Amino acid sequence: MNTLSAPEASIVRRYLGALTDMELAVPRAGENMDTEQAAVWTRNASEAQDRLALFDEWRRRLCGFLAVSPGPFFRGQSNQVIV
């Protein structure tokens, strides 16, 4: 992190801001379930899982951008990051 250029540090800050928002949205998913289809409202039963998967994907992308290996939480999953 100490060797990032100013533009790279800016990108990392944007990632961290987006990750913070996504992380906070995961536990809130149960409070207000989003709509799965239009017209008659239907609860999206997989909203929490969808949000967690999105959060994990963005964490992997940040690891890829920083050229660091994902931590032990991601074992068994692909370490390949496509940005």
N, C-alpha and C. Protein backbone atom coordinates (compact mmCIF):
# COMPACT_ATOMS: atom_id res chain seq x y z
N MET A 1 0.83 -1.19 0.00
CA MET A 1 0.00 0.00 0.00
C MET A 1 0.88 1.26 0.00
N ASN A 2 2.04 1.17 0.60
CA ASN A 2 2.91 2.35 0.67
C ASN A 2 3.48 2.72 -0.69
N THR A 3 3.46 1.79 -1.64
CA THR A 3 4.08 2.07 -2.93
C THR A 3 3.08 2.43 -4.03
N LEU A 4 1.80 2.58 -3.67
CA LEU A 4 0.79 2.92 -4.66
C LEU A 4 0.97 4.36 -5.14
N SER A 5 0.76 4.56 -6.41
CA SER A 5 0.77 5.92 -6.94
C SER A 5 -0.54 6.60 -6.51
N ALA A 6 -0.62 7.90 -6.68
CA ALA A 6 -1.84 8.63 -6.32
C ALA A 6 -3.07 8.11 -7.07
N PRO A 7 -2.98 7.85 -8.39
CA PRO A 7 -4.15 7.30 -9.09
C PRO A 7 -4.53 5.90 -8.58
N GLU A 8 -3.53 5.08 -8.25
CA GLU A 8 -3.81 3.74 -7.73
C GLU A 8 -4.47 3.83 -6.35
N ALA A 9 -3.98 4.72 -5.51
CA ALA A 9 -4.58 4.90 -4.18
C ALA A 9 -6.03 5.37 -4.31
N SER A 10 -6.30 6.20 -5.30
CA SER A 10 -7.66 6.66 -5.54
C SER A 10 -8.57 5.49 -5.91
N ILE A 11 -8.07 4.60 -6.74
CA ILE A 11 -8.86 3.42 -7.12
C ILE A 11 -9.13 2.55 -5.90
N VAL A 12 -8.11 2.33 -5.06
CA VAL A 12 -8.29 1.52 -3.85
C VAL A 12 -9.33 2.15 -2.94
N ARG A 13 -9.30 3.48 -2.80
CA ARG A 13 -10.30 4.16 -1.96
C ARG A 13 -11.71 3.94 -2.51
N ARG A 14 -11.86 3.97 -3.84
CA ARG A 14 -13.18 3.71 -4.44
C ARG A 14 -13.62 2.29 -4.17
N TYR A 15 -12.70 1.32 -4.31
CA TYR A 15 -13.03 -0.06 -4.00
C TYR A 15 -13.49 -0.19 -2.54
N LEU A 16 -12.73 0.40 -1.64
CA LEU A 16 -13.06 0.29 -0.22
C LEU A 16 -14.40 0.94 0.10
N GLY A 17 -14.70 2.05 -0.55
CA GLY A 17 -16.01 2.68 -0.35
C GLY A 17 -17.14 1.79 -0.84
N ALA A 18 -16.96 1.21 -2.03
CA ALA A 18 -17.98 0.30 -2.57
C ALA A 18 -18.12 -0.94 -1.69
N LEU A 19 -16.99 -1.47 -1.23
CA LEU A 19 -17.03 -2.67 -0.38
C LEU A 19 -17.74 -2.38 0.95
N THR A 20 -17.52 -1.21 1.50
CA THR A 20 -18.20 -0.85 2.75
C THR A 20 -19.70 -0.83 2.55
N ASP A 21 -20.16 -0.21 1.46
CA ASP A 21 -21.59 -0.18 1.17
C ASP A 21 -22.16 -1.58 0.98
N MET A 22 -21.43 -2.42 0.23
CA MET A 22 -21.91 -3.79 -0.01
C MET A 22 -21.92 -4.61 1.27
N GLU A 23 -20.88 -4.45 2.10
CA GLU A 23 -20.82 -5.20 3.35
C GLU A 23 -22.00 -4.83 4.25
N LEU A 24 -22.34 -3.56 4.32
CA LEU A 24 -23.45 -3.12 5.16
C LEU A 24 -24.80 -3.57 4.60
N ALA A 25 -24.89 -3.77 3.28
CA ALA A 25 -26.14 -4.19 2.66
C ALA A 25 -26.47 -5.65 2.93
N VAL A 26 -25.44 -6.48 3.21
CA VAL A 26 -25.69 -7.91 3.42
C VAL A 26 -26.60 -8.14 4.63
N PRO A 27 -26.26 -7.63 5.82
CA PRO A 27 -27.16 -7.89 6.95
C PRO A 27 -28.50 -7.18 6.85
N ARG A 28 -28.55 -6.07 6.09
CA ARG A 28 -29.81 -5.33 5.93
C ARG A 28 -30.75 -6.01 4.93
N ALA A 29 -30.27 -7.02 4.22
CA ALA A 29 -31.08 -7.66 3.19
C ALA A 29 -32.38 -8.22 3.76
N GLY A 30 -32.35 -8.67 4.98
CA GLY A 30 -33.55 -9.22 5.59
C GLY A 30 -34.56 -8.17 6.00
N GLU A 31 -34.14 -6.93 6.13
CA GLU A 31 -35.05 -5.87 6.56
C GLU A 31 -36.00 -5.43 5.45
N ASN A 32 -35.53 -5.42 4.24
CA ASN A 32 -36.34 -4.94 3.14
C ASN A 32 -36.00 -5.75 1.91
N MET A 33 -36.65 -6.89 1.77
CA MET A 33 -36.35 -7.78 0.65
C MET A 33 -36.74 -7.12 -0.66
N ASP A 34 -35.81 -7.14 -1.60
CA ASP A 34 -36.05 -6.53 -2.91
C ASP A 34 -37.01 -7.37 -3.74
N THR A 35 -37.50 -6.77 -4.77
CA THR A 35 -38.47 -7.41 -5.65
C THR A 35 -37.78 -8.31 -6.64
N GLU A 36 -38.35 -9.48 -6.85
CA GLU A 36 -37.80 -10.41 -7.83
C GLU A 36 -38.46 -10.24 -9.19
N GLN A 37 -39.71 -9.84 -9.21
CA GLN A 37 -40.37 -9.61 -10.49
C GLN A 37 -41.34 -8.45 -10.35
N ALA A 38 -41.63 -7.82 -11.47
CA ALA A 38 -42.50 -6.64 -11.48
C ALA A 38 -43.97 -7.06 -11.39
N ALA A 39 -44.84 -6.08 -11.33
CA ALA A 39 -46.29 -6.25 -11.22
C ALA A 39 -46.61 -6.65 -9.78
N VAL A 40 -47.05 -7.87 -9.57
CA VAL A 40 -47.33 -8.32 -8.21
C VAL A 40 -45.99 -8.51 -7.50
N TRP A 41 -45.81 -7.86 -6.36
CA TRP A 41 -44.54 -7.90 -5.65
C TRP A 41 -44.24 -9.32 -5.20
N THR A 42 -43.02 -9.77 -5.50
CA THR A 42 -42.55 -11.09 -5.09
C THR A 42 -41.20 -10.91 -4.41
N ARG A 43 -41.09 -11.44 -3.20
CA ARG A 43 -39.84 -11.32 -2.44
C ARG A 43 -38.73 -12.07 -3.15
N ASN A 44 -37.55 -11.46 -3.21
CA ASN A 44 -36.37 -12.11 -3.77
C ASN A 44 -35.74 -12.95 -2.66
N ALA A 45 -36.00 -14.24 -2.67
CA ALA A 45 -35.54 -15.13 -1.61
C ALA A 45 -34.03 -15.26 -1.55
N SER A 46 -33.35 -14.95 -2.62
CA SER A 46 -31.89 -15.10 -2.63
C SER A 46 -31.15 -13.77 -2.50
N GLU A 47 -31.84 -12.74 -2.05
CA GLU A 47 -31.20 -11.41 -1.99
C GLU A 47 -29.95 -11.42 -1.11
N ALA A 48 -30.02 -12.00 0.08
CA ALA A 48 -28.85 -12.01 0.97
C ALA A 48 -27.68 -12.75 0.32
N GLN A 49 -27.96 -13.89 -0.29
CA GLN A 49 -26.91 -14.66 -0.96
C GLN A 49 -26.35 -13.88 -2.15
N ASP A 50 -27.21 -13.23 -2.90
CA ASP A 50 -26.78 -12.44 -4.04
C ASP A 50 -25.87 -11.29 -3.61
N ARG A 51 -26.27 -10.62 -2.54
CA ARG A 51 -25.47 -9.49 -2.05
C ARG A 51 -24.11 -9.97 -1.52
N LEU A 52 -24.10 -11.10 -0.83
CA LEU A 52 -22.85 -11.64 -0.31
C LEU A 52 -21.92 -12.06 -1.45
N ALA A 53 -22.48 -12.66 -2.49
CA ALA A 53 -21.67 -13.05 -3.65
C ALA A 53 -21.08 -11.82 -4.34
N LEU A 54 -21.86 -10.76 -4.45
CA LEU A 54 -21.36 -9.52 -5.05
C LEU A 54 -20.25 -8.93 -4.20
N PHE A 55 -20.44 -8.92 -2.89
CA PHE A 55 -19.44 -8.42 -1.95
C PHE A 55 -18.15 -9.21 -2.09
N ASP A 56 -18.25 -10.55 -2.13
CA ASP A 56 -17.07 -11.40 -2.28
C ASP A 56 -16.36 -11.16 -3.61
N GLU A 57 -17.11 -11.00 -4.68
CA GLU A 57 -16.50 -10.74 -5.98
C GLU A 57 -15.71 -9.44 -5.98
N TRP A 58 -16.25 -8.41 -5.37
CA TRP A 58 -15.53 -7.14 -5.34
C TRP A 58 -14.31 -7.22 -4.43
N ARG A 59 -14.36 -8.03 -3.37
CA ARG A 59 -13.17 -8.22 -2.55
C ARG A 59 -12.09 -8.92 -3.35
N ARG A 60 -12.48 -9.92 -4.13
CA ARG A 60 -11.50 -10.60 -4.99
C ARG A 60 -10.90 -9.63 -6.01
N ARG A 61 -11.73 -8.77 -6.56
CA ARG A 61 -11.24 -7.79 -7.53
C ARG A 61 -10.22 -6.84 -6.89
N LEU A 62 -10.48 -6.42 -5.67
CA LEU A 62 -9.53 -5.55 -4.98
C LEU A 62 -8.22 -6.29 -4.75
N CYS A 63 -8.29 -7.55 -4.34
CA CYS A 63 -7.07 -8.35 -4.17
C CYS A 63 -6.31 -8.43 -5.49
N GLY A 64 -7.03 -8.66 -6.58
CA GLY A 64 -6.39 -8.73 -7.88
C GLY A 64 -5.74 -7.42 -8.27
N PHE A 65 -6.42 -6.32 -8.00
CA PHE A 65 -5.85 -5.01 -8.32
C PHE A 65 -4.57 -4.77 -7.54
N LEU A 66 -4.56 -5.18 -6.27
CA LEU A 66 -3.38 -4.98 -5.43
C LEU A 66 -2.33 -6.07 -5.65
N ALA A 67 -2.66 -7.07 -6.48
CA ALA A 67 -1.76 -8.19 -6.76
C ALA A 67 -1.39 -8.95 -5.49
N VAL A 68 -2.41 -9.15 -4.64
CA VAL A 68 -2.21 -9.95 -3.43
C VAL A 68 -3.15 -11.15 -3.48
N SER A 69 -2.73 -12.22 -2.87
CA SER A 69 -3.54 -13.43 -2.84
C SER A 69 -4.70 -13.23 -1.86
N PRO A 70 -5.90 -13.68 -2.23
CA PRO A 70 -7.01 -13.61 -1.28
C PRO A 70 -6.68 -14.41 -0.01
N GLY A 71 -7.25 -14.02 1.08
CA GLY A 71 -6.97 -14.67 2.36
C GLY A 71 -7.57 -16.06 2.47
N PRO A 72 -7.43 -16.67 3.64
CA PRO A 72 -7.87 -18.05 3.84
C PRO A 72 -9.38 -18.24 3.68
N PHE A 73 -10.16 -17.19 3.80
CA PHE A 73 -11.61 -17.29 3.64
C PHE A 73 -11.97 -17.75 2.23
N PHE A 74 -11.11 -17.45 1.27
CA PHE A 74 -11.39 -17.77 -0.13
C PHE A 74 -10.77 -19.08 -0.58
N ARG A 75 -10.23 -19.88 0.32
CA ARG A 75 -9.64 -21.16 -0.07
C ARG A 75 -10.69 -22.03 -0.73
N GLY A 76 -10.22 -22.78 -1.72
CA GLY A 76 -11.13 -23.66 -2.43
C GLY A 76 -11.86 -22.96 -3.55
N GLN A 77 -11.70 -21.67 -3.66
CA GLN A 77 -12.30 -20.91 -4.74
C GLN A 77 -11.18 -20.42 -5.63
N SER A 78 -11.50 -20.05 -6.81
CA SER A 78 -10.50 -19.61 -7.77
C SER A 78 -9.79 -18.36 -7.27
N ASN A 79 -8.47 -18.36 -7.37
CA ASN A 79 -7.70 -17.18 -7.05
C ASN A 79 -7.51 -16.29 -8.26
N GLN A 80 -8.02 -16.72 -9.39
CA GLN A 80 -7.90 -15.93 -10.61
C GLN A 80 -8.91 -14.79 -10.55
N VAL A 81 -8.41 -13.61 -10.75
CA VAL A 81 -9.26 -12.43 -10.72
C VAL A 81 -9.22 -11.79 -12.09
N ILE A 82 -10.40 -11.54 -12.64
CA ILE A 82 -10.51 -10.90 -13.94
C ILE A 82 -11.06 -9.51 -13.72
N VAL A 83 -10.29 -8.50 -14.09
CA VAL A 83 -10.71 -7.13 -13.88
C VAL A 83 -11.04 -6.51 -15.21
